[in-house]
Amino acid sequence: QVRLVESGGGLVQPGGSLTLSCAASGSIFRIVAMGWYRQAPGKQRELVASINAGGATNYADSVKGRFTISRVNAMNTVYLQMNSLKPEDTNVYYCNGKIYSSMTTWDGFWGQGTHVTVSS
């Protein structure tokens, strides 16, 4: 079984910064991609940023230039550096991993979510 554990959420003032981290552990054969999603109450979960095994990144338009996703492959860990935070960034942030648990079997795994609140 694969487990994703997030950390780093909290309360920050507008214009401030936070760094989220997500560590994957368990039966990991190969990680295809990891990413961060967010979901506000009553809304669909949306992609914030993703990074694949080759290091290619993808960002939602709303966070381009403010957020940076990075990955430490040896530690199966992905980070989301969030700068210039806005109140509308307030959400529950979820880590996602597309992970092979064997040579032939892959699945999408989710973390438990971490709360980010941007407020003065």
Protein backbone atom coordinates (compact mmCIF):
# COMPACT_ATOMS: atom_id res chain seq x y z
CA GLN A 1 0.00 0.00 0.00
CA VAL A 2 1.10 3.54 -0.75
CA ARG A 3 0.67 6.38 1.68
CA LEU A 4 0.96 10.13 1.08
CA VAL A 5 1.46 12.39 4.08
CA GLU A 6 1.19 16.15 3.75
CA SER A 7 2.44 18.84 6.08
CA GLY A 8 3.02 22.57 6.15
CA GLY A 9 -0.44 24.09 6.06
CA GLY A 10 -1.57 26.83 8.39
CA LEU A 11 -2.66 30.42 8.75
CA VAL A 12 -0.81 33.16 6.90
CA GLN A 13 -1.47 36.81 6.15
CA PRO A 14 -2.14 38.00 2.60
CA GLY A 15 1.14 38.43 0.77
CA GLY A 16 2.83 35.83 2.93
CA SER A 17 4.38 32.48 2.08
CA LEU A 18 3.95 28.84 3.01
CA THR A 19 5.62 25.65 1.91
CA LEU A 20 3.68 22.41 1.72
CA SER A 21 5.40 19.06 1.62
CA CYS A 22 4.17 15.60 0.73
CA ALA A 23 6.07 12.39 1.37
CA ALA A 24 5.16 9.14 -0.35
CA SER A 25 5.94 5.86 1.37
CA GLY A 26 5.06 2.18 1.18
CA SER A 27 5.10 -0.15 -1.81
CA ILE A 28 6.55 2.23 -4.39
CA PHE A 29 8.05 0.82 -7.55
CA ARG A 30 8.06 4.01 -9.57
CA ILE A 31 6.47 7.45 -9.30
CA VAL A 32 5.05 8.77 -12.56
CA ALA A 33 3.94 12.15 -11.32
CA MET A 34 2.98 13.99 -8.19
CA GLY A 35 0.88 17.05 -7.75
CA TRP A 36 -1.17 19.32 -5.56
CA TYR A 37 -4.88 19.89 -5.80
CA ARG A 38 -7.19 22.08 -3.77
CA GLN A 39 -10.85 21.96 -2.98
CA ALA A 40 -13.09 24.60 -1.49
CA PRO A 41 -16.38 23.63 0.18
CA GLY A 42 -19.02 22.83 -2.39
CA LYS A 43 -16.59 22.97 -5.29
CA GLN A 44 -14.73 20.43 -7.36
CA ARG A 45 -11.15 19.56 -6.60
CA GLU A 46 -8.86 21.46 -8.95
CA LEU A 47 -5.26 21.02 -10.02
CA VAL A 48 -2.85 23.54 -8.54
CA ALA A 49 0.46 22.20 -9.82
CA SER A 50 2.03 18.93 -10.92
CA ILE A 51 5.47 17.57 -11.70
CA ASN A 52 6.36 14.40 -13.56
CA ALA A 53 9.31 12.07 -13.30
CA GLY A 54 11.22 14.07 -15.86
CA GLY A 55 10.75 17.29 -13.95
CA ALA A 56 8.17 18.85 -16.26
CA THR A 57 5.75 21.06 -14.37
CA ASN A 58 2.23 22.29 -14.91
CA TYR A 59 0.42 25.07 -13.05
CA ALA A 60 -3.07 26.43 -12.80
CA ASP A 61 -3.27 29.91 -14.33
CA SER A 62 -4.31 31.36 -10.98
CA VAL A 63 -1.03 30.39 -9.32
CA LYS A 64 1.51 30.87 -12.12
CA GLY A 65 4.35 33.09 -11.01
CA ARG A 66 3.44 32.70 -7.33
CA PHE A 67 3.67 28.96 -6.63
CA THR A 68 6.55 26.60 -7.38
CA ILE A 69 6.39 22.81 -7.28
CA SER A 70 9.55 20.79 -6.80
CA ARG A 71 10.48 17.22 -6.10
CA VAL A 72 13.23 15.29 -4.38
CA ASN A 73 13.14 11.95 -6.16
CA ALA A 74 15.42 10.13 -3.74
CA MET A 75 13.05 10.98 -0.90
CA ASN A 76 9.78 10.51 -2.84
CA THR A 77 8.83 13.98 -1.63
CA VAL A 78 7.18 16.87 -3.41
CA TYR A 79 7.03 20.46 -2.23
CA LEU A 80 4.78 23.39 -3.05
CA GLN A 81 6.30 26.78 -2.34
CA MET A 82 3.49 29.30 -2.18
CA ASN A 83 4.35 33.01 -2.30
CA SER A 84 2.26 36.16 -2.50
CA LEU A 85 -0.67 34.30 -1.03
CA LYS A 86 -4.16 35.71 -1.51
CA PRO A 87 -7.35 35.13 0.48
CA GLU A 88 -8.72 33.20 -2.48
CA ASP A 89 -5.92 30.66 -2.02
CA THR A 90 -7.65 29.56 1.18
CA ASN A 91 -8.47 25.89 0.66
CA VAL A 92 -7.75 22.35 1.66
CA TYR A 93 -4.72 21.24 -0.33
CA TYR A 94 -4.36 17.59 -1.30
CA CYS A 95 -1.29 15.77 -2.52
CA ASN A 96 -1.77 13.31 -5.36
CA GLY A 97 0.59 10.71 -6.70
CA LYS A 98 0.38 8.52 -9.80
CA ILE A 99 2.46 5.65 -8.54
CA TYR A 100 3.38 2.19 -9.71
CA SER A 101 3.28 -0.21 -6.78
CA SER A 102 4.70 -2.96 -9.01
CA MET A 103 6.11 -3.19 -12.52
CA THR A 104 2.63 -3.39 -14.04
CA THR A 105 0.21 -1.89 -11.53
CA TRP A 106 -0.29 1.83 -10.97
CA ASP A 107 -2.95 3.89 -9.26
CA GLY A 108 -3.71 7.39 -8.12
CA PHE A 109 -3.21 8.00 -4.42
CA TRP A 110 -4.34 10.92 -2.25
CA GLY A 111 -3.11 12.41 0.96
CA GLN A 112 -5.41 13.39 3.79
CA GLY A 113 -5.30 17.10 2.97
CA THR A 114 -3.81 20.09 4.73
CA HIS A 115 -5.59 23.36 5.43
CA VAL A 116 -4.26 26.67 4.16
CA THR A 117 -5.93 29.84 5.40
CA VAL A 118 -4.93 33.25 4.07
CA SER A 119 -6.40 35.96 6.22
CA SER A 120 -5.45 39.12 8.05
